[in-house]
Amino acid sequence: VDAGLLLGRLAEAEHDDRLALRWFNTYLAEAPSGLYASEALGRKMAILRRVMGEIAARPVAQDYVTRYPDGTYAAAARAILNSP
C-alpha cells in the first residue's frame, strides 16, 4: 500500500503531475486512514492547486482541514479555502 505514496513522490519529483495524482489517489483509495494519508492528501491538493487552480483544489483542501486540522498542509489548505 505504501508503494502508492512512494511512486507518487517519485512522479512528482519528475514533474509528472498526472501520474503523481494517480498514485496519490491510489494510496488514498487503498489506505484512506493510512500512516501517510495526510501527506498523500496534502500533495494531491498542492498539485491540483498548481495545475488546475484553487477552485479545483478547494474540495481537497476542505477534506484536508476536516481530517487533519493541525496537519503539515493545513495552512496551505486554509489559504485555498480563504482565497476569493
PDB file of N, CA and C in Angstrom:
ATOM      1  N   VAL A   1       0.830  -1.197   0.000  1.00  0.00           N
ATOM      2  CA  VAL A   1       0.000   0.000   0.000  1.00  0.00           C
ATOM      3  C   VAL A   1       0.872   1.259   0.000  1.00  0.00           C
ATOM      4  N   ASP A   2       1.905   1.289   0.826  1.00  0.00           N
ATOM      5  CA  ASP A   2       2.761   2.474   0.910  1.00  0.00           C
ATOM      6  C   ASP A   2       3.472   2.763  -0.409  1.00  0.00           C
ATOM      7  N   ALA A   3       3.571   1.765  -1.261  1.00  0.00           N
ATOM      8  CA  ALA A   3       4.232   1.959  -2.553  1.00  0.00           C
ATOM      9  C   ALA A   3       3.538   3.041  -3.367  1.00  0.00           C
ATOM     10  N   GLY A   4       2.224   3.152  -3.250  1.00  0.00           N
ATOM     11  CA  GLY A   4       1.492   4.189  -3.982  1.00  0.00           C
ATOM     12  C   GLY A   4       1.980   5.574  -3.623  1.00  0.00           C
ATOM     13  N   LEU A   5       2.219   5.798  -2.343  1.00  0.00           N
ATOM     14  CA  LEU A   5       2.711   7.100  -1.923  1.00  0.00           C
ATOM     15  C   LEU A   5       4.116   7.330  -2.461  1.00  0.00           C
ATOM     16  N   LEU A   6       4.973   6.328  -2.354  1.00  0.00           N
ATOM     17  CA  LEU A   6       6.350   6.475  -2.824  1.00  0.00           C
ATOM     18  C   LEU A   6       6.406   6.696  -4.331  1.00  0.00           C
ATOM     19  N   LEU A   7       5.580   5.988  -5.069  1.00  0.00           N
ATOM     20  CA  LEU A   7       5.542   6.178  -6.511  1.00  0.00           C
ATOM     21  C   LEU A   7       4.995   7.564  -6.864  1.00  0.00           C
ATOM     22  N   GLY A   8       4.053   8.049  -6.081  1.00  0.00           N
ATOM     23  CA  GLY A   8       3.545   9.400  -6.276  1.00  0.00           C
ATOM     24  C   GLY A   8       4.623  10.445  -6.033  1.00  0.00           C
ATOM     25  N   ARG A   9       5.404  10.254  -4.991  1.00  0.00           N
ATOM     26  CA  ARG A   9       6.510  11.176  -4.710  1.00  0.00           C
ATOM     27  C   ARG A   9       7.504  11.197  -5.868  1.00  0.00           C
ATOM     28  N   LEU A  10       7.838  10.003  -6.368  1.00  0.00           N
ATOM     29  CA  LEU A  10       8.781   9.916  -7.487  1.00  0.00           C
ATOM     30  C   LEU A  10       8.237  10.627  -8.716  1.00  0.00           C
ATOM     31  N   ALA A  11       6.979  10.390  -9.033  1.00  0.00           N
ATOM     32  CA  ALA A  11       6.370  11.041 -10.190  1.00  0.00           C
ATOM     33  C   ALA A  11       6.352  12.553 -10.007  1.00  0.00           C
ATOM     34  N   GLU A  12       6.052  12.984  -8.797  1.00  0.00           N
ATOM     35  CA  GLU A  12       6.033  14.427  -8.518  1.00  0.00           C
ATOM     36  C   GLU A  12       7.431  15.020  -8.676  1.00  0.00           C
ATOM     37  N   ALA A  13       8.435  14.316  -8.197  1.00  0.00           N
ATOM     38  CA  ALA A  13       9.818  14.793  -8.315  1.00  0.00           C
ATOM     39  C   ALA A  13      10.246  14.895  -9.777  1.00  0.00           C
ATOM     40  N   GLU A  14       9.667  14.065 -10.625  1.00  0.00           N
ATOM     41  CA  GLU A  14       9.979  14.096 -12.055  1.00  0.00           C
ATOM     42  C   GLU A  14       9.020  15.004 -12.828  1.00  0.00           C
ATOM     43  N   HIS A  15       8.212  15.769 -12.102  1.00  0.00           N
ATOM     44  CA  HIS A  15       7.277  16.743 -12.674  1.00  0.00           C
ATOM     45  C   HIS A  15       6.200  16.097 -13.546  1.00  0.00           C
ATOM     46  N   ASP A  16       5.843  14.868 -13.203  1.00  0.00           N
ATOM     47  CA  ASP A  16       4.751  14.188 -13.906  1.00  0.00           C
ATOM     48  C   ASP A  16       3.525  14.262 -12.998  1.00  0.00           C
ATOM     49  N   ASP A  17       2.859  15.421 -13.041  1.00  0.00           N
ATOM     50  CA  ASP A  17       1.748  15.683 -12.125  1.00  0.00           C
ATOM     51  C   ASP A  17       0.587  14.708 -12.311  1.00  0.00           C
ATOM     52  N   ARG A  18       0.291  14.378 -13.541  1.00  0.00           N
ATOM     53  CA  ARG A  18      -0.822  13.458 -13.799  1.00  0.00           C
ATOM     54  C   ARG A  18      -0.566  12.094 -13.164  1.00  0.00           C
ATOM     55  N   LEU A  19       0.635  11.572 -13.328  1.00  0.00           N
ATOM     56  CA  LEU A  19       0.975  10.281 -12.741  1.00  0.00           C
ATOM     57  C   LEU A  19       1.025  10.380 -11.216  1.00  0.00           C
ATOM     58  N   ALA A  20       1.556  11.473 -10.699  1.00  0.00           N
ATOM     59  CA  ALA A  20       1.617  11.659  -9.250  1.00  0.00           C
ATOM     60  C   ALA A  20       0.207  11.660  -8.655  1.00  0.00           C
ATOM     61  N   LEU A  21      -0.704  12.380  -9.285  1.00  0.00           N
ATOM     62  CA  LEU A  21      -2.094  12.397  -8.803  1.00  0.00           C
ATOM     63  C   LEU A  21      -2.694  10.995  -8.813  1.00  0.00           C
ATOM     64  N   ARG A  22      -2.409  10.261  -9.869  1.00  0.00           N
ATOM     65  CA  ARG A  22      -2.940   8.898  -9.952  1.00  0.00           C
ATOM     66  C   ARG A  22      -2.437   8.043  -8.794  1.00  0.00           C
ATOM     67  N   TRP A  23      -1.142   8.144  -8.473  1.00  0.00           N
ATOM     68  CA  TRP A  23      -0.599   7.349  -7.373  1.00  0.00           C
ATOM     69  C   TRP A  23      -1.101   7.818  -6.006  1.00  0.00           C
ATOM     70  N   PHE A  24      -1.219   9.136  -5.816  1.00  0.00           N
ATOM     71  CA  PHE A  24      -1.749   9.622  -4.541  1.00  0.00           C
ATOM     72  C   PHE A  24      -3.203   9.193  -4.375  1.00  0.00           C
ATOM     73  N   ASN A  25      -3.972   9.229  -5.445  1.00  0.00           N
ATOM     74  CA  ASN A  25      -5.355   8.748  -5.394  1.00  0.00           C
ATOM     75  C   ASN A  25      -5.412   7.253  -5.098  1.00  0.00           C
ATOM     76  N   THR A  26      -4.501   6.504  -5.689  1.00  0.00           N
ATOM     77  CA  THR A  26      -4.440   5.058  -5.418  1.00  0.00           C
ATOM     78  C   THR A  26      -4.155   4.811  -3.945  1.00  0.00           C
ATOM     79  N   TYR A  27      -3.165   5.522  -3.413  1.00  0.00           N
ATOM     80  CA  TYR A  27      -2.842   5.352  -1.992  1.00  0.00           C
ATOM     81  C   TYR A  27      -4.055   5.689  -1.122  1.00  0.00           C
ATOM     82  N   LEU A  28      -4.699   6.802  -1.405  1.00  0.00           N
ATOM     83  CA  LEU A  28      -5.843   7.230  -0.592  1.00  0.00           C
ATOM     84  C   LEU A  28      -7.019   6.261  -0.712  1.00  0.00           C
ATOM     85  N   ALA A  29      -7.196   5.642  -1.859  1.00  0.00           N
ATOM     86  CA  ALA A  29      -8.270   4.658  -2.024  1.00  0.00           C
ATOM     87  C   ALA A  29      -7.968   3.375  -1.254  1.00  0.00           C
ATOM     88  N   GLU A  30      -6.700   2.989  -1.243  1.00  0.00           N
ATOM     89  CA  GLU A  30      -6.310   1.743  -0.578  1.00  0.00           C
ATOM     90  C   GLU A  30      -6.097   1.913   0.921  1.00  0.00           C
ATOM     91  N   ALA A  31      -5.721   3.108   1.347  1.00  0.00           N
ATOM     92  CA  ALA A  31      -5.428   3.339   2.766  1.00  0.00           C
ATOM     93  C   ALA A  31      -5.938   4.718   3.180  1.00  0.00           C
ATOM     94  N   PRO A  32      -7.260   4.929   3.179  1.00  0.00           N
ATOM     95  CA  PRO A  32      -7.796   6.263   3.471  1.00  0.00           C
ATOM     96  C   PRO A  32      -7.420   6.786   4.858  1.00  0.00           C
ATOM     97  N   SER A  33      -7.108   5.907   5.763  1.00  0.00           N
ATOM     98  CA  SER A  33      -6.674   6.309   7.105  1.00  0.00           C
ATOM     99  C   SER A  33      -5.252   5.847   7.376  1.00  0.00           C
ATOM    100  N   GLY A  34      -4.521   5.581   6.321  1.00  0.00           N
ATOM    101  CA  GLY A  34      -3.160   5.060   6.454  1.00  0.00           C
ATOM    102  C   GLY A  34      -2.198   6.058   7.065  1.00  0.00           C
ATOM    103  N   LEU A  35      -1.037   5.557   7.377  1.00  0.00           N
ATOM    104  CA  LEU A  35       0.004   6.351   8.018  1.00  0.00           C
ATOM    105  C   LEU A  35       0.358   7.601   7.214  1.00  0.00           C
ATOM    106  N   TYR A  36       0.305   7.502   5.898  1.00  0.00           N
ATOM    107  CA  TYR A  36       0.698   8.615   5.041  1.00  0.00           C
ATOM    108  C   TYR A  36      -0.473   9.295   4.347  1.00  0.00           C
ATOM    109  N   ALA A  37      -1.682   9.061   4.811  1.00  0.00           N
ATOM    110  CA  ALA A  37      -2.863   9.648   4.174  1.00  0.00           C
ATOM    111  C   ALA A  37      -2.815  11.178   4.201  1.00  0.00           C
ATOM    112  N   SER A  38      -2.363  11.739   5.287  1.00  0.00           N
ATOM    113  CA  SER A  38      -2.261  13.200   5.390  1.00  0.00           C
ATOM    114  C   SER A  38      -1.321  13.754   4.319  1.00  0.00           C
ATOM    115  N   GLU A  39      -0.190  13.113   4.159  1.00  0.00           N
ATOM    116  CA  GLU A  39       0.773  13.566   3.155  1.00  0.00           C
ATOM    117  C   GLU A  39       0.223  13.396   1.742  1.00  0.00           C
ATOM    118  N   ALA A  40      -0.371  12.248   1.471  1.00  0.00           N
ATOM    119  CA  ALA A  40      -0.918  12.000   0.132  1.00  0.00           C
ATOM    120  C   ALA A  40      -2.002  13.022  -0.210  1.00  0.00           C
ATOM    121  N   LEU A  41      -2.872  13.307   0.742  1.00  0.00           N
ATOM    122  CA  LEU A  41      -3.944  14.271   0.513  1.00  0.00           C
ATOM    123  C   LEU A  41      -3.383  15.681   0.328  1.00  0.00           C
ATOM    124  N   GLY A  42      -2.390  16.028   1.139  1.00  0.00           N
ATOM    125  CA  GLY A  42      -1.768  17.342   1.018  1.00  0.00           C
ATOM    126  C   GLY A  42      -1.040  17.531  -0.304  1.00  0.00           C
ATOM    127  N   ARG A  43      -0.326  16.509  -0.728  1.00  0.00           N
ATOM    128  CA  ARG A  43       0.381  16.590  -2.006  1.00  0.00           C
ATOM    129  C   ARG A  43      -0.608  16.653  -3.167  1.00  0.00           C
ATOM    130  N   LYS A  44      -1.686  15.890  -3.060  1.00  0.00           N
ATOM    131  CA  LYS A  44      -2.731  15.932  -4.082  1.00  0.00           C
ATOM    132  C   LYS A  44      -3.294  17.348  -4.179  1.00  0.00           C
ATOM    133  N   MET A  45      -3.589  17.944  -3.044  1.00  0.00           N
ATOM    134  CA  MET A  45      -4.125  19.306  -3.008  1.00  0.00           C
ATOM    135  C   MET A  45      -3.143  20.288  -3.652  1.00  0.00           C
ATOM    136  N   ALA A  46      -1.877  20.169  -3.324  1.00  0.00           N
ATOM    137  CA  ALA A  46      -0.870  21.085  -3.857  1.00  0.00           C
ATOM    138  C   ALA A  46      -0.740  20.957  -5.374  1.00  0.00           C
ATOM    139  N   ILE A  47      -0.779  19.735  -5.877  1.00  0.00           N
ATOM    140  CA  ILE A  47      -0.691  19.529  -7.324  1.00  0.00           C
ATOM    141  C   ILE A  47      -1.919  20.105  -8.010  1.00  0.00           C
ATOM    142  N   LEU A  48      -3.083  19.819  -7.476  1.00  0.00           N
ATOM    143  CA  LEU A  48      -4.308  20.359  -8.076  1.00  0.00           C
ATOM    144  C   LEU A  48      -4.268  21.883  -8.113  1.00  0.00           C
ATOM    145  N   ARG A  49      -3.811  22.482  -7.036  1.00  0.00           N
ATOM    146  CA  ARG A  49      -3.729  23.949  -6.985  1.00  0.00           C
ATOM    147  C   ARG A  49      -2.772  24.469  -8.045  1.00  0.00           C
ATOM    148  N   ARG A  50      -1.629  23.835  -8.154  1.00  0.00           N
ATOM    149  CA  ARG A  50      -0.608  24.279  -9.103  1.00  0.00           C
ATOM    150  C   ARG A  50      -1.059  24.090 -10.560  1.00  0.00           C
ATOM    151  N   VAL A  51      -1.682  22.964 -10.839  1.00  0.00           N
ATOM    152  CA  VAL A  51      -2.011  22.614 -12.219  1.00  0.00           C
ATOM    153  C   VAL A  51      -3.375  23.148 -12.657  1.00  0.00           C
ATOM    154  N   MET A  52      -4.358  23.087 -11.772  1.00  0.00           N
ATOM    155  CA  MET A  52      -5.729  23.414 -12.167  1.00  0.00           C
ATOM    156  C   MET A  52      -6.291  24.645 -11.464  1.00  0.00           C
ATOM    157  N   GLY A  53      -5.584  25.151 -10.467  1.00  0.00           N
ATOM    158  CA  GLY A  53      -6.039  26.347  -9.772  1.00  0.00           C
ATOM    159  C   GLY A  53      -6.730  26.043  -8.450  1.00  0.00           C
ATOM    160  N   GLU A  54      -6.980  27.122  -7.726  1.00  0.00           N
ATOM    161  CA  GLU A  54      -7.526  26.997  -6.376  1.00  0.00           C
ATOM    162  C   GLU A  54      -8.941  26.442  -6.347  1.00  0.00           C
ATOM    163  N   ILE A  55      -9.746  26.744  -7.346  1.00  0.00           N
ATOM    164  CA  ILE A  55     -11.121  26.225  -7.355  1.00  0.00           C
ATOM    165  C   ILE A  55     -11.109  24.702  -7.412  1.00  0.00           C
ATOM    166  N   ALA A  56     -10.246  24.132  -8.229  1.00  0.00           N
ATOM    167  CA  ALA A  56     -10.156  22.671  -8.331  1.00  0.00           C
ATOM    168  C   ALA A  56      -9.622  22.053  -7.043  1.00  0.00           C
ATOM    169  N   ALA A  57      -8.754  22.775  -6.351  1.00  0.00           N
ATOM    170  CA  ALA A  57      -8.151  22.254  -5.129  1.00  0.00           C
ATOM    171  C   ALA A  57      -9.040  22.428  -3.900  1.00  0.00           C
ATOM    172  N   ARG A  58     -10.043  23.272  -3.993  1.00  0.00           N
ATOM    173  CA  ARG A  58     -10.875  23.609  -2.838  1.00  0.00           C
ATOM    174  C   ARG A  58     -11.524  22.404  -2.151  1.00  0.00           C
ATOM    175  N   PRO A  59     -12.148  21.466  -2.866  1.00  0.00           N
ATOM    176  CA  PRO A  59     -12.753  20.317  -2.165  1.00  0.00           C
ATOM    177  C   PRO A  59     -11.723  19.464  -1.419  1.00  0.00           C
ATOM    178  N   VAL A  60     -10.548  19.325  -1.998  1.00  0.00           N
ATOM    179  CA  VAL A  60      -9.491  18.555  -1.340  1.00  0.00           C
ATOM    180  C   VAL A  60      -8.984  19.321  -0.125  1.00  0.00           C
ATOM    181  N   ALA A  61      -8.883  20.640  -0.249  1.00  0.00           N
ATOM    182  CA  ALA A  61      -8.460  21.469   0.885  1.00  0.00           C
ATOM    183  C   ALA A  61      -9.453  21.350   2.038  1.00  0.00           C
ATOM    184  N   GLN A  62     -10.738  21.363   1.711  1.00  0.00           N
ATOM    185  CA  GLN A  62     -11.759  21.217   2.762  1.00  0.00           C
ATOM    186  C   GLN A  62     -11.648  19.855   3.438  1.00  0.00           C
ATOM    187  N   ASP A  63     -11.465  18.824   2.649  1.00  0.00           N
ATOM    188  CA  ASP A  63     -11.295  17.481   3.193  1.00  0.00           C
ATOM    189  C   ASP A  63     -10.063  17.429   4.096  1.00  0.00           C
ATOM    190  N   TYR A  64      -8.980  18.053   3.650  1.00  0.00           N
ATOM    191  CA  TYR A  64      -7.745  18.053   4.441  1.00  0.00           C
ATOM    192  C   TYR A  64      -7.953  18.727   5.797  1.00  0.00           C
ATOM    193  N   VAL A  65      -8.538  19.917   5.785  1.00  0.00           N
ATOM    194  CA  VAL A  65      -8.738  20.660   7.036  1.00  0.00           C
ATOM    195  C   VAL A  65      -9.674  19.902   7.978  1.00  0.00           C
ATOM    196  N   THR A  66     -10.670  19.254   7.417  1.00  0.00           N
ATOM    197  CA  THR A  66     -11.603  18.476   8.241  1.00  0.00           C
ATOM    198  C   THR A  66     -10.898  17.294   8.895  1.00  0.00           C
ATOM    199  N   ARG A  67     -10.088  16.607   8.116  1.00  0.00           N
ATOM    200  CA  ARG A  67      -9.430  15.398   8.622  1.00  0.00           C
ATOM    201  C   ARG A  67      -8.163  15.682   9.420  1.00  0.00           C
ATOM    202  N   TYR A  68      -7.424  16.717   9.020  1.00  0.00           N
ATOM    203  CA  TYR A  68      -6.114  17.000   9.629  1.00  0.00           C
ATOM    204  C   TYR A  68      -5.988  18.490   9.943  1.00  0.00           C
ATOM    205  N   PRO A  69      -6.765  19.009  10.901  1.00  0.00           N
ATOM    206  CA  PRO A  69      -6.761  20.452  11.165  1.00  0.00           C
ATOM    207  C   PRO A  69      -5.403  21.000  11.607  1.00  0.00           C
ATOM    208  N   ASP A  70      -4.543  20.152  12.116  1.00  0.00           N
ATOM    209  CA  ASP A  70      -3.209  20.587  12.537  1.00  0.00           C
ATOM    210  C   ASP A  70      -2.112  19.961  11.683  1.00  0.00           C
ATOM    211  N   GLY A  71      -2.470  19.436  10.531  1.00  0.00           N
ATOM    212  CA  GLY A  71      -1.517  18.740   9.674  1.00  0.00           C
ATOM    213  C   GLY A  71      -0.535  19.666   8.989  1.00  0.00           C
ATOM    214  N   THR A  72       0.447  19.066   8.378  1.00  0.00           N
ATOM    215  CA  THR A  72       1.509  19.791   7.687  1.00  0.00           C
ATOM    216  C   THR A  72       0.974  20.722   6.607  1.00  0.00           C
ATOM    217  N   TYR A  73      -0.073  20.315   5.921  1.00  0.00           N
ATOM    218  CA  TYR A  73      -0.624  21.094   4.817  1.00  0.00           C
ATOM    219  C   TYR A  73      -1.844  21.920   5.229  1.00  0.00           C
ATOM    220  N   ALA A  74      -2.132  22.012   6.521  1.00  0.00           N
ATOM    221  CA  ALA A  74      -3.331  22.716   6.992  1.00  0.00           C
ATOM    222  C   ALA A  74      -3.296  24.204   6.634  1.00  0.00           C
ATOM    223  N   ALA A  75      -2.164  24.852   6.784  1.00  0.00           N
ATOM    224  CA  ALA A  75      -2.083  26.284   6.450  1.00  0.00           C
ATOM    225  C   ALA A  75      -2.332  26.502   4.955  1.00  0.00           C
ATOM    226  N   ALA A  76      -1.761  25.649   4.119  1.00  0.00           N
ATOM    227  CA  ALA A  76      -1.973  25.760   2.680  1.00  0.00           C
ATOM    228  C   ALA A  76      -3.435  25.513   2.337  1.00  0.00           C
ATOM    229  N   ALA A  77      -4.040  24.542   3.012  1.00  0.00           N
ATOM    230  CA  ALA A  77      -5.457  24.241   2.766  1.00  0.00           C
ATOM    231  C   ALA A  77      -6.334  25.430   3.167  1.00  0.00           C
ATOM    232  N   ARG A  78      -6.042  26.032   4.301  1.00  0.00           N
ATOM    233  CA  ARG A  78      -6.824  27.191   4.739  1.00  0.00           C
ATOM    234  C   ARG A  78      -6.651  28.370   3.780  1.00  0.00           C
ATOM    235  N   ALA A  79      -5.434  28.537   3.257  1.00  0.00           N
ATOM    236  CA  ALA A  79      -5.200  29.615   2.298  1.00  0.00           C
ATOM    237  C   ALA A  79      -6.052  29.415   1.048  1.00  0.00           C
ATOM    238  N   ILE A  80      -6.181  28.182   0.595  1.00  0.00           N
ATOM    239  CA  ILE A  80      -7.025  27.888  -0.561  1.00  0.00           C
ATOM    240  C   ILE A  80      -8.480  28.192  -0.230  1.00  0.00           C
ATOM    241  N   LEU A  81      -8.916  27.758   0.942  1.00  0.00           N
ATOM    242  CA  LEU A  81     -10.317  27.951   1.341  1.00  0.00           C
ATOM    243  C   LEU A  81     -10.644  29.430   1.546  1.00  0.00           C
ATOM    244  N   ASN A  82      -9.682  30.216   1.928  1.00  0.00           N
ATOM    245  CA  ASN A  82      -9.917  31.641   2.191  1.00  0.00           C
ATOM    246  C   ASN A  82      -9.643  32.532   0.992  1.00  0.00           C
ATOM    247  N   SER A  83      -9.233  31.936  -0.116  1.00  0.00           N
ATOM    248  CA  SER A  83      -8.954  32.750  -1.296  1.00  0.00           C
ATOM    249  C   SER A  83     -10.261  33.122  -1.982  1.00  0.00           C
ATOM    250  N   PRO A  84     -10.281  34.273  -2.641  1.00  0.00           N
ATOM    251  CA  PRO A  84     -11.510  34.720  -3.307  1.00  0.00           C
ATOM    252  C   PRO A  84     -11.899  33.852  -4.489  1.00  0.00           C
TER     253      PRO A  84
END
